[in-house]
């Protein structure tokens, strides 16, 4: 995987191989039959294009990006954790290039994120990364809670346009919990940021 750090001409040196042949049966009668061999490919020149002025930052060029809730609860109980799982499929980037997957901090809700699970491979000559992240949600009071979904700005390398991948807010109907206030105005605890991996 090659990631140029600046635009302009880039020359890649040719690949080289040095080794030894084992030789045949008759070669082994008189000596060990080994002979030095080598091979080399020609250098390759690349013309690296600059980042488009209208591209979102941080720079994330991809061929495709898909976001989905692999698991999304609709009900919860105040003071008790429920889990949401988010999946990102990025065609054209390694996992290290992708931003962390999070939910939006919301008043009256605590978020606790597990480390991201990563699956990386090459498909059609390009890196393809699948990220999965489980986030535990602890609502602090009863009522309807809306938690903003993840949002990723990226550059469509095939079409040459900026795009946004986003999921709708997570809607939770929260029932009163034991020893937890049912009145949202009584909850004064601020949300915690999702833990980064």
N, C-alpha and C. Protein backbone atom coordinates (compact mmCIF):
# COMPACT_ATOMS: atom_id res chain seq x y z
N UNK A 1 0.86 -1.19 0.00
CA UNK A 1 0.00 0.00 0.00
C UNK A 1 0.89 1.23 0.00
N UNK A 2 0.71 2.10 -0.97
CA UNK A 2 1.52 3.30 -1.12
C UNK A 2 0.65 4.52 -0.89
N UNK A 3 1.06 5.38 0.06
CA UNK A 3 0.31 6.60 0.35
C UNK A 3 1.26 7.78 0.19
N UNK A 4 1.21 8.48 -0.96
CA UNK A 4 2.09 9.64 -1.17
C UNK A 4 1.79 10.75 -0.18
N UNK A 5 2.83 11.46 0.26
CA UNK A 5 2.66 12.51 1.25
C UNK A 5 2.60 13.90 0.63
N UNK A 6 2.93 14.03 -0.66
CA UNK A 6 2.84 15.32 -1.34
C UNK A 6 2.59 15.10 -2.82
N UNK A 7 2.10 16.14 -3.48
CA UNK A 7 1.81 16.04 -4.91
C UNK A 7 3.09 16.24 -5.72
N UNK A 8 3.00 15.88 -7.02
CA UNK A 8 4.15 16.03 -7.91
C UNK A 8 4.61 14.69 -8.43
N UNK A 9 5.76 14.70 -9.09
CA UNK A 9 6.32 13.47 -9.66
C UNK A 9 6.91 12.60 -8.56
N UNK A 10 6.66 11.32 -8.65
CA UNK A 10 7.19 10.36 -7.69
C UNK A 10 7.74 9.17 -8.47
N UNK A 11 9.02 8.87 -8.27
CA UNK A 11 9.65 7.75 -8.95
C UNK A 11 9.87 6.61 -7.97
N UNK A 12 9.31 5.46 -8.28
CA UNK A 12 9.49 4.27 -7.45
C UNK A 12 10.62 3.44 -8.02
N UNK A 13 11.63 3.12 -7.23
CA UNK A 13 12.71 2.26 -7.73
C UNK A 13 12.15 0.91 -8.13
N UNK A 14 12.81 0.26 -9.10
CA UNK A 14 12.37 -1.05 -9.54
C UNK A 14 12.55 -2.10 -8.45
N UNK A 15 11.68 -3.09 -8.47
CA UNK A 15 11.80 -4.20 -7.53
C UNK A 15 13.01 -5.05 -7.90
N UNK A 16 13.68 -5.60 -6.89
CA UNK A 16 14.88 -6.41 -7.15
C UNK A 16 14.78 -7.74 -6.41
N UNK A 17 15.37 -8.76 -7.01
CA UNK A 17 15.43 -10.08 -6.38
C UNK A 17 16.82 -10.67 -6.61
N UNK A 18 17.40 -11.20 -5.55
CA UNK A 18 18.68 -11.92 -5.63
C UNK A 18 18.49 -13.26 -4.94
N UNK A 19 18.97 -14.32 -5.57
CA UNK A 19 18.83 -15.65 -4.99
C UNK A 19 19.80 -16.63 -5.60
N UNK A 20 19.56 -17.92 -5.36
CA UNK A 20 20.42 -18.99 -5.88
C UNK A 20 19.55 -20.13 -6.39
N UNK A 21 19.99 -20.72 -7.51
CA UNK A 21 19.32 -21.92 -7.99
C UNK A 21 19.92 -23.13 -7.29
N UNK A 22 19.17 -24.20 -7.22
CA UNK A 22 19.64 -25.42 -6.55
C UNK A 22 20.43 -26.32 -7.50
N UNK A 23 20.24 -26.16 -8.84
CA UNK A 23 20.96 -27.01 -9.80
C UNK A 23 20.29 -28.36 -9.97
N UNK A 24 20.76 -29.12 -10.97
CA UNK A 24 20.20 -30.43 -11.25
C UNK A 24 21.04 -31.55 -10.66
N UNK A 25 20.70 -32.80 -11.01
CA UNK A 25 21.39 -33.97 -10.45
C UNK A 25 22.87 -33.99 -10.81
N UNK A 26 23.20 -33.75 -12.11
CA UNK A 26 24.60 -33.83 -12.55
C UNK A 26 25.44 -32.71 -11.96
N UNK A 27 24.81 -31.55 -11.73
CA UNK A 27 25.55 -30.46 -11.09
C UNK A 27 26.01 -30.87 -9.70
N UNK A 28 25.17 -31.60 -8.99
CA UNK A 28 25.49 -31.99 -7.62
C UNK A 28 26.61 -33.03 -7.56
N UNK A 29 26.85 -33.74 -8.68
CA UNK A 29 27.93 -34.74 -8.71
C UNK A 29 29.28 -34.05 -8.61
N UNK A 30 29.42 -32.90 -9.29
CA UNK A 30 30.71 -32.22 -9.35
C UNK A 30 30.82 -31.06 -8.36
N UNK A 31 29.73 -30.42 -8.03
CA UNK A 31 29.73 -29.36 -7.01
C UNK A 31 28.33 -29.29 -6.40
N UNK A 32 28.07 -28.26 -5.62
CA UNK A 32 26.75 -28.20 -4.96
C UNK A 32 25.64 -27.74 -5.90
N UNK A 33 25.99 -27.33 -7.12
CA UNK A 33 24.98 -26.99 -8.11
C UNK A 33 24.33 -25.63 -7.95
N UNK A 34 24.77 -24.87 -6.97
CA UNK A 34 24.14 -23.57 -6.74
C UNK A 34 24.72 -22.51 -7.68
N UNK A 35 23.82 -21.67 -8.22
CA UNK A 35 24.23 -20.58 -9.08
C UNK A 35 23.46 -19.33 -8.69
N UNK A 36 24.17 -18.20 -8.68
CA UNK A 36 23.53 -16.93 -8.33
C UNK A 36 22.62 -16.48 -9.46
N UNK A 37 21.43 -16.00 -9.09
CA UNK A 37 20.48 -15.45 -10.06
C UNK A 37 19.96 -14.13 -9.51
N UNK A 38 19.56 -13.24 -10.42
CA UNK A 38 18.97 -11.96 -10.00
C UNK A 38 17.98 -11.50 -11.05
N UNK A 39 17.06 -10.65 -10.63
CA UNK A 39 16.07 -10.09 -11.54
C UNK A 39 15.71 -8.70 -11.03
N UNK A 40 15.32 -7.83 -11.95
CA UNK A 40 14.94 -6.47 -11.57
C UNK A 40 13.89 -5.94 -12.54
N UNK A 41 12.98 -5.13 -12.01
CA UNK A 41 11.98 -4.49 -12.86
C UNK A 41 12.39 -3.03 -13.05
N UNK A 42 11.90 -2.37 -14.09
CA UNK A 42 12.25 -0.96 -14.30
C UNK A 42 11.58 -0.07 -13.25
N UNK A 43 12.16 1.11 -13.06
CA UNK A 43 11.56 2.09 -12.16
C UNK A 43 10.21 2.54 -12.72
N UNK A 44 9.33 2.98 -11.82
CA UNK A 44 7.99 3.43 -12.25
C UNK A 44 7.79 4.87 -11.80
N UNK A 45 7.26 5.68 -12.70
CA UNK A 45 7.00 7.10 -12.38
C UNK A 45 5.51 7.32 -12.17
N UNK A 46 5.16 7.99 -11.08
CA UNK A 46 3.78 8.31 -10.76
C UNK A 46 3.61 9.82 -10.74
N UNK A 47 2.47 10.30 -11.21
CA UNK A 47 2.13 11.71 -11.15
C UNK A 47 1.08 11.88 -10.05
N UNK A 48 1.50 12.35 -8.89
CA UNK A 48 0.61 12.47 -7.72
C UNK A 48 -0.15 13.79 -7.79
N UNK A 49 -1.48 13.70 -7.84
CA UNK A 49 -2.33 14.89 -7.94
C UNK A 49 -2.49 15.55 -6.56
N UNK A 50 -2.65 16.88 -6.53
CA UNK A 50 -2.86 17.56 -5.24
C UNK A 50 -4.26 17.28 -4.70
N UNK A 51 -4.43 17.50 -3.40
CA UNK A 51 -5.75 17.36 -2.78
C UNK A 51 -6.65 18.46 -3.32
N UNK A 52 -7.85 18.15 -3.80
CA UNK A 52 -8.76 19.18 -4.32
C UNK A 52 -9.08 20.22 -3.25
N UNK A 53 -9.19 21.47 -3.66
CA UNK A 53 -9.45 22.57 -2.72
C UNK A 53 -10.77 22.39 -1.97
N UNK A 54 -11.77 21.79 -2.63
CA UNK A 54 -13.09 21.64 -2.01
C UNK A 54 -13.25 20.34 -1.22
N UNK A 55 -12.16 19.58 -1.08
CA UNK A 55 -12.24 18.30 -0.36
C UNK A 55 -12.35 18.54 1.14
N UNK A 56 -13.17 17.73 1.83
CA UNK A 56 -13.28 17.87 3.29
C UNK A 56 -11.98 17.45 3.97
N UNK A 57 -11.74 18.04 5.12
CA UNK A 57 -10.56 17.70 5.93
C UNK A 57 -11.03 17.07 7.24
N UNK A 58 -10.37 16.05 7.75
CA UNK A 58 -9.16 15.44 7.20
C UNK A 58 -9.43 14.72 5.87
N UNK A 59 -8.41 14.67 5.04
CA UNK A 59 -8.46 14.11 3.69
C UNK A 59 -8.72 12.61 3.76
N UNK A 60 -9.83 12.18 3.17
CA UNK A 60 -10.18 10.76 3.18
C UNK A 60 -10.71 10.36 1.80
N UNK A 61 -9.80 10.06 0.84
CA UNK A 61 -10.24 9.65 -0.49
C UNK A 61 -10.62 8.18 -0.51
N UNK A 62 -11.81 7.87 -1.03
CA UNK A 62 -12.32 6.51 -1.06
C UNK A 62 -13.04 6.25 -2.38
N UNK A 63 -13.30 4.99 -2.67
CA UNK A 63 -14.15 4.63 -3.80
C UNK A 63 -15.59 4.42 -3.34
N UNK A 64 -15.76 4.08 -2.05
CA UNK A 64 -17.11 3.92 -1.49
C UNK A 64 -17.01 3.87 0.02
N UNK A 65 -18.06 4.28 0.70
CA UNK A 65 -18.13 4.23 2.16
C UNK A 65 -19.55 3.90 2.57
N UNK A 66 -19.69 2.88 3.39
CA UNK A 66 -21.02 2.48 3.88
C UNK A 66 -21.01 2.49 5.41
N UNK A 67 -22.09 3.02 5.98
CA UNK A 67 -22.29 3.06 7.43
C UNK A 67 -23.61 2.37 7.74
N UNK A 68 -23.64 1.58 8.82
CA UNK A 68 -24.92 0.99 9.22
C UNK A 68 -24.89 0.65 10.70
N UNK A 69 -26.09 0.60 11.28
CA UNK A 69 -26.25 0.09 12.64
C UNK A 69 -26.37 -1.43 12.53
N UNK A 70 -25.38 -2.16 13.01
CA UNK A 70 -25.47 -3.61 13.03
C UNK A 70 -26.40 -4.07 14.15
N UNK A 71 -26.49 -3.24 15.18
CA UNK A 71 -27.39 -3.51 16.31
C UNK A 71 -27.83 -2.16 16.85
N UNK A 72 -29.14 -1.94 16.98
CA UNK A 72 -29.64 -0.65 17.43
C UNK A 72 -30.86 -0.86 18.32
N UNK A 73 -30.72 -0.65 19.62
CA UNK A 73 -31.86 -0.81 20.52
C UNK A 73 -32.86 0.33 20.34
N UNK A 74 -34.10 0.08 20.72
CA UNK A 74 -35.14 1.12 20.67
C UNK A 74 -35.72 1.40 22.06
N UNK A 75 -35.41 0.52 23.02
CA UNK A 75 -35.92 0.69 24.38
C UNK A 75 -34.78 0.51 25.37
N UNK A 76 -34.91 1.17 26.50
CA UNK A 76 -33.91 1.08 27.55
C UNK A 76 -34.57 1.38 28.89
N UNK A 77 -33.79 1.21 29.95
CA UNK A 77 -34.27 1.56 31.30
C UNK A 77 -33.24 2.49 31.92
N UNK A 78 -33.70 3.54 32.57
CA UNK A 78 -32.80 4.53 33.17
C UNK A 78 -31.82 3.85 34.13
N UNK A 79 -30.55 4.18 33.97
CA UNK A 79 -29.50 3.63 34.84
C UNK A 79 -28.96 2.30 34.37
N UNK A 80 -29.54 1.70 33.32
CA UNK A 80 -29.07 0.41 32.82
C UNK A 80 -28.52 0.57 31.41
N UNK A 81 -27.44 -0.16 31.12
CA UNK A 81 -26.76 -0.03 29.83
C UNK A 81 -27.44 -0.86 28.74
N UNK A 82 -27.50 -0.28 27.55
CA UNK A 82 -27.89 -1.01 26.34
C UNK A 82 -26.78 -0.77 25.33
N UNK A 83 -26.64 -1.67 24.36
CA UNK A 83 -25.53 -1.58 23.41
C UNK A 83 -26.00 -1.31 22.00
N UNK A 84 -25.23 -0.49 21.31
CA UNK A 84 -25.41 -0.26 19.88
C UNK A 84 -24.11 -0.68 19.20
N UNK A 85 -24.22 -1.29 18.02
CA UNK A 85 -23.03 -1.67 17.27
C UNK A 85 -23.09 -1.00 15.90
N UNK A 86 -22.00 -0.32 15.55
CA UNK A 86 -21.91 0.42 14.30
C UNK A 86 -20.87 -0.25 13.41
N UNK A 87 -21.19 -0.35 12.11
CA UNK A 87 -20.26 -0.94 11.15
C UNK A 87 -19.94 0.06 10.05
N UNK A 88 -18.65 0.16 9.72
CA UNK A 88 -18.18 1.01 8.63
C UNK A 88 -17.45 0.13 7.62
N UNK A 89 -17.80 0.25 6.33
CA UNK A 89 -17.08 -0.46 5.27
C UNK A 89 -16.51 0.59 4.33
N UNK A 90 -15.17 0.65 4.28
CA UNK A 90 -14.47 1.66 3.48
C UNK A 90 -13.71 0.98 2.35
N UNK A 91 -14.03 1.36 1.11
CA UNK A 91 -13.36 0.82 -0.07
C UNK A 91 -12.30 1.83 -0.52
N UNK A 92 -11.02 1.52 -0.23
CA UNK A 92 -9.95 2.39 -0.67
C UNK A 92 -9.11 2.99 0.44
N UNK A 93 -9.25 2.50 1.68
CA UNK A 93 -8.47 3.06 2.78
C UNK A 93 -8.14 1.97 3.79
N UNK A 94 -7.02 2.15 4.47
CA UNK A 94 -6.68 1.26 5.57
C UNK A 94 -7.45 1.73 6.81
N UNK A 95 -7.54 0.89 7.81
CA UNK A 95 -8.27 1.26 9.02
C UNK A 95 -7.63 2.45 9.72
N UNK A 96 -6.30 2.59 9.60
CA UNK A 96 -5.60 3.69 10.25
C UNK A 96 -5.99 5.04 9.66
N UNK A 97 -6.47 5.06 8.42
CA UNK A 97 -6.87 6.32 7.78
C UNK A 97 -8.26 6.77 8.18
N UNK A 98 -9.06 5.89 8.76
CA UNK A 98 -10.45 6.21 9.07
C UNK A 98 -10.58 6.87 10.43
N UNK A 99 -11.51 7.82 10.58
CA UNK A 99 -11.73 8.44 11.88
C UNK A 99 -12.43 7.46 12.82
N UNK A 100 -12.30 7.66 14.13
CA UNK A 100 -12.99 6.77 15.07
C UNK A 100 -14.51 6.91 14.93
N UNK A 101 -15.21 5.81 15.13
CA UNK A 101 -16.67 5.79 15.02
C UNK A 101 -17.27 6.10 16.39
N UNK A 102 -18.08 7.16 16.45
CA UNK A 102 -18.67 7.55 17.73
C UNK A 102 -20.12 8.00 17.55
N UNK A 103 -20.82 8.09 18.65
CA UNK A 103 -22.13 8.72 18.69
C UNK A 103 -21.94 10.14 19.23
N UNK A 104 -22.93 10.99 19.02
CA UNK A 104 -22.85 12.38 19.49
C UNK A 104 -23.15 12.43 20.99
N UNK A 105 -22.30 13.14 21.73
CA UNK A 105 -22.55 13.31 23.16
C UNK A 105 -23.91 13.96 23.36
N UNK A 106 -24.68 13.41 24.30
CA UNK A 106 -26.06 13.87 24.51
C UNK A 106 -26.31 14.08 25.99
N UNK A 107 -26.94 15.19 26.33
CA UNK A 107 -27.26 15.48 27.72
C UNK A 107 -28.17 14.39 28.29
N UNK A 108 -27.83 13.91 29.47
CA UNK A 108 -28.64 12.88 30.12
C UNK A 108 -28.30 11.47 29.70
N UNK A 109 -27.18 11.30 28.98
CA UNK A 109 -26.77 9.97 28.51
C UNK A 109 -25.26 9.81 28.69
N UNK A 110 -24.85 8.67 29.17
CA UNK A 110 -23.42 8.34 29.24
C UNK A 110 -23.10 7.34 28.14
N UNK A 111 -21.95 7.53 27.47
CA UNK A 111 -21.51 6.66 26.40
C UNK A 111 -20.18 6.02 26.76
N UNK A 112 -20.07 4.70 26.58
CA UNK A 112 -18.84 3.96 26.86
C UNK A 112 -18.53 3.09 25.65
N UNK A 113 -17.47 3.45 24.92
CA UNK A 113 -17.15 2.77 23.66
C UNK A 113 -16.07 1.72 23.85
N UNK A 114 -16.30 0.54 23.29
CA UNK A 114 -15.27 -0.50 23.25
C UNK A 114 -14.26 -0.16 22.16
N UNK A 115 -13.07 -0.77 22.20
CA UNK A 115 -12.12 -0.58 21.10
C UNK A 115 -12.72 -1.07 19.78
N UNK A 116 -12.33 -0.43 18.68
CA UNK A 116 -12.84 -0.82 17.37
C UNK A 116 -12.27 -2.17 16.95
N UNK A 117 -13.10 -3.00 16.34
CA UNK A 117 -12.67 -4.26 15.76
C UNK A 117 -12.42 -4.03 14.28
N UNK A 118 -11.27 -4.46 13.78
CA UNK A 118 -10.84 -4.14 12.42
C UNK A 118 -10.63 -5.39 11.59
N UNK A 119 -11.09 -5.35 10.34
CA UNK A 119 -10.81 -6.40 9.35
C UNK A 119 -10.33 -5.70 8.09
N UNK A 120 -9.06 -5.94 7.71
CA UNK A 120 -8.47 -5.30 6.54
C UNK A 120 -8.08 -6.35 5.51
N UNK A 121 -8.31 -6.04 4.23
CA UNK A 121 -7.92 -6.93 3.14
C UNK A 121 -7.78 -6.11 1.86
N UNK A 122 -7.25 -6.76 0.82
CA UNK A 122 -7.16 -6.11 -0.48
C UNK A 122 -8.19 -6.73 -1.41
N UNK A 123 -8.99 -5.88 -2.06
CA UNK A 123 -10.01 -6.31 -3.01
C UNK A 123 -9.84 -5.49 -4.28
N UNK A 124 -9.68 -6.16 -5.42
CA UNK A 124 -9.47 -5.48 -6.72
C UNK A 124 -8.29 -4.51 -6.67
N UNK A 125 -7.24 -4.90 -5.95
CA UNK A 125 -6.04 -4.09 -5.90
C UNK A 125 -6.10 -2.90 -4.96
N UNK A 126 -7.19 -2.76 -4.18
CA UNK A 126 -7.33 -1.64 -3.25
C UNK A 126 -7.56 -2.17 -1.84
N UNK A 127 -7.12 -1.39 -0.83
CA UNK A 127 -7.44 -1.79 0.55
C UNK A 127 -8.92 -1.66 0.82
N UNK A 128 -9.45 -2.57 1.60
CA UNK A 128 -10.86 -2.54 2.02
C UNK A 128 -10.89 -2.80 3.52
N UNK A 129 -11.46 -1.88 4.27
CA UNK A 129 -11.47 -1.98 5.73
C UNK A 129 -12.89 -2.06 6.25
N UNK A 130 -13.09 -2.95 7.19
CA UNK A 130 -14.37 -3.06 7.88
C UNK A 130 -14.12 -2.79 9.36
N UNK A 131 -14.76 -1.76 9.88
CA UNK A 131 -14.65 -1.42 11.30
C UNK A 131 -15.98 -1.70 11.98
N UNK A 132 -15.89 -2.31 13.15
CA UNK A 132 -17.09 -2.52 13.97
C UNK A 132 -16.79 -1.99 15.37
N UNK A 133 -17.77 -1.26 15.90
CA UNK A 133 -17.58 -0.73 17.26
C UNK A 133 -18.86 -0.83 18.05
N UNK A 134 -18.72 -1.36 19.26
CA UNK A 134 -19.86 -1.47 20.18
C UNK A 134 -19.77 -0.34 21.20
N UNK A 135 -20.89 0.35 21.38
CA UNK A 135 -20.95 1.45 22.33
C UNK A 135 -22.08 1.18 23.31
N UNK A 136 -21.75 1.22 24.59
CA UNK A 136 -22.77 1.05 25.63
C UNK A 136 -23.37 2.40 25.96
N UNK A 137 -24.69 2.43 26.02
CA UNK A 137 -25.44 3.66 26.31
C UNK A 137 -26.14 3.51 27.66
N UNK A 138 -25.89 4.46 28.55
CA UNK A 138 -26.56 4.44 29.86
C UNK A 138 -27.40 5.72 29.98
N UNK A 139 -28.72 5.64 29.75
CA UNK A 139 -29.58 6.82 29.93
C UNK A 139 -29.74 7.12 31.42
N UNK A 140 -29.76 8.41 31.76
CA UNK A 140 -29.81 8.80 33.16
C UNK A 140 -31.20 9.15 33.64
N UNK A 141 -32.16 9.26 32.72
CA UNK A 141 -33.53 9.54 33.12
C UNK A 141 -34.50 8.92 32.12
N UNK A 142 -35.75 8.80 32.55
CA UNK A 142 -36.78 8.22 31.70
C UNK A 142 -37.24 9.23 30.65
N UNK A 143 -37.88 8.70 29.61
CA UNK A 143 -38.41 9.56 28.56
C UNK A 143 -37.82 9.18 27.21
N UNK A 144 -38.15 9.95 26.18
CA UNK A 144 -37.63 9.71 24.84
C UNK A 144 -36.27 10.39 24.71
N UNK A 145 -35.27 9.60 24.32
CA UNK A 145 -33.91 10.13 24.16
C UNK A 145 -33.49 9.97 22.71
N UNK A 146 -32.93 11.04 22.15
CA UNK A 146 -32.42 11.01 20.77
C UNK A 146 -30.92 11.26 20.80
N UNK A 147 -30.17 10.31 20.27
CA UNK A 147 -28.70 10.39 20.28
C UNK A 147 -28.22 10.49 18.83
N UNK A 148 -27.49 11.53 18.53
CA UNK A 148 -27.00 11.74 17.17
C UNK A 148 -26.10 10.61 16.69
N UNK A 149 -26.31 10.18 15.44
CA UNK A 149 -25.53 9.09 14.88
C UNK A 149 -24.18 9.55 14.35
N UNK A 150 -23.33 8.60 13.94
CA UNK A 150 -22.01 8.94 13.41
C UNK A 150 -22.10 9.65 12.06
N UNK A 151 -21.07 10.43 11.76
CA UNK A 151 -21.01 11.19 10.51
C UNK A 151 -19.56 11.21 10.04
N UNK A 152 -19.33 10.85 8.78
CA UNK A 152 -17.98 10.82 8.21
C UNK A 152 -17.97 11.58 6.89
N UNK A 153 -17.10 12.59 6.80
CA UNK A 153 -16.91 13.34 5.56
C UNK A 153 -15.81 12.64 4.75
N UNK A 154 -16.06 12.42 3.44
CA UNK A 154 -15.05 11.74 2.62
C UNK A 154 -15.09 12.25 1.18
N UNK A 155 -14.06 11.90 0.42
CA UNK A 155 -13.94 12.33 -0.96
C UNK A 155 -14.15 11.13 -1.88
N UNK A 156 -15.10 11.25 -2.79
CA UNK A 156 -15.38 10.19 -3.76
C UNK A 156 -14.33 10.29 -4.87
N UNK A 157 -13.33 9.39 -4.83
CA UNK A 157 -12.22 9.44 -5.78
C UNK A 157 -12.67 9.10 -7.19
N UNK A 158 -13.71 8.30 -7.33
CA UNK A 158 -14.19 7.91 -8.66
C UNK A 158 -14.94 9.05 -9.34
N UNK A 159 -15.78 9.78 -8.58
CA UNK A 159 -16.61 10.85 -9.14
C UNK A 159 -16.01 12.25 -8.97
N UNK A 160 -15.01 12.37 -8.08
CA UNK A 160 -14.38 13.66 -7.85
C UNK A 160 -15.26 14.65 -7.11
N UNK A 161 -16.04 14.17 -6.12
CA UNK A 161 -16.93 15.04 -5.35
C UNK A 161 -16.84 14.70 -3.87
N UNK A 162 -17.16 15.71 -3.03
CA UNK A 162 -17.20 15.50 -1.58
C UNK A 162 -18.52 14.82 -1.22
N UNK A 163 -18.44 13.88 -0.29
CA UNK A 163 -19.65 13.18 0.17
C UNK A 163 -19.66 13.09 1.70
N UNK A 164 -20.85 12.82 2.23
CA UNK A 164 -21.03 12.64 3.66
C UNK A 164 -21.78 11.35 3.91
N UNK A 165 -21.23 10.51 4.76
CA UNK A 165 -21.92 9.30 5.19
C UNK A 165 -22.40 9.55 6.62
N UNK A 166 -23.68 9.31 6.86
CA UNK A 166 -24.20 9.53 8.21
C UNK A 166 -25.36 8.58 8.50
N UNK A 167 -25.57 8.33 9.78
CA UNK A 167 -26.68 7.50 10.22
C UNK A 167 -27.68 8.37 10.96
N UNK A 168 -28.96 8.02 10.91
CA UNK A 168 -29.97 8.82 11.62
C UNK A 168 -29.78 8.73 13.13
N UNK A 169 -30.36 9.68 13.86
CA UNK A 169 -30.27 9.63 15.32
C UNK A 169 -30.87 8.34 15.86
N UNK A 170 -30.29 7.88 16.95
CA UNK A 170 -30.79 6.69 17.64
C UNK A 170 -31.89 7.15 18.60
N UNK A 171 -33.10 6.60 18.45
CA UNK A 171 -34.22 6.98 19.30
C UNK A 171 -34.44 5.89 20.34
N UNK A 172 -34.36 6.26 21.61
CA UNK A 172 -34.56 5.31 22.71
C UNK A 172 -35.74 5.75 23.57
N UNK A 173 -36.67 4.83 23.77
CA UNK A 173 -37.75 5.07 24.73
C UNK A 173 -37.28 4.50 26.06
N UNK A 174 -37.01 5.38 27.01
CA UNK A 174 -36.39 4.98 28.28
C UNK A 174 -37.43 4.90 29.37
N UNK A 175 -37.53 3.71 29.98
CA UNK A 175 -38.46 3.51 31.10
C UNK A 175 -37.77 3.91 32.40
N UNK A 176 -38.55 4.30 33.42
CA UNK A 176 -37.93 4.66 34.70
C UNK A 176 -37.17 3.48 35.28
N UNK A 177 -36.03 3.77 35.89
CA UNK A 177 -35.24 2.72 36.54
C UNK A 177 -35.35 2.84 38.04
N UNK A 178 -34.94 1.82 38.73
CA UNK A 178 -35.04 1.81 40.18
C UNK A 178 -34.07 2.83 40.76
N UNK A 179 -34.58 3.78 41.54
CA UNK A 179 -33.74 4.79 42.17
C UNK A 179 -33.25 5.86 41.22
N UNK A 180 -33.80 5.93 40.00
CA UNK A 180 -33.38 6.93 39.01
C UNK A 180 -34.55 7.86 38.73
N UNK A 181 -34.30 9.14 38.66
CA UNK A 181 -35.36 10.14 38.45
C UNK A 181 -36.07 9.94 37.13
N UNK A 182 -37.38 10.09 37.15
CA UNK A 182 -38.17 10.00 35.92
C UNK A 182 -38.32 11.38 35.29
N UNK A 183 -37.89 12.44 36.00
CA UNK A 183 -38.01 13.81 35.50
C UNK A 183 -36.69 14.24 34.90
N UNK A 184 -36.64 14.53 33.59
CA UNK A 184 -35.39 14.94 32.95
C UNK A 184 -34.75 16.17 33.59
N UNK A 185 -35.57 17.08 34.19
CA UNK A 185 -35.01 18.29 34.79
C UNK A 185 -34.23 17.98 36.06
N UNK A 186 -34.46 16.79 36.66
CA UNK A 186 -33.77 16.41 37.87
C UNK A 186 -32.38 15.84 37.58
N UNK A 187 -32.12 15.49 36.33
CA UNK A 187 -30.84 14.87 35.99
C UNK A 187 -29.84 15.96 35.64
N UNK A 188 -28.79 16.07 36.46
CA UNK A 188 -27.81 17.14 36.23
C UNK A 188 -26.45 16.58 35.82
N UNK A 189 -26.38 15.28 35.55
CA UNK A 189 -25.09 14.69 35.19
C UNK A 189 -24.82 14.96 33.72
N UNK A 190 -23.63 15.41 33.39
CA UNK A 190 -23.27 15.69 32.01
C UNK A 190 -22.78 14.41 31.35
N UNK A 191 -22.94 14.30 30.02
CA UNK A 191 -22.51 13.08 29.32
C UNK A 191 -21.00 12.95 29.31
N UNK A 192 -20.54 11.71 29.25
CA UNK A 192 -19.12 11.43 29.10
C UNK A 192 -18.81 11.19 27.65
N UNK A 193 -17.61 11.58 27.27
CA UNK A 193 -17.21 11.35 25.87
C UNK A 193 -16.99 9.88 25.65
N UNK A 194 -17.29 9.41 24.44
CA UNK A 194 -17.02 8.03 24.09
C UNK A 194 -15.54 7.78 24.14
N UNK A 195 -15.14 6.65 24.72
CA UNK A 195 -13.72 6.31 24.82
C UNK A 195 -13.15 6.04 23.45
N UNK A 196 -11.94 6.58 23.18
CA UNK A 196 -11.30 6.35 21.87
C UNK A 196 -10.42 5.12 21.96
N UNK A 197 -10.35 4.41 20.83
CA UNK A 197 -9.49 3.24 20.81
C UNK A 197 -8.09 3.64 20.47
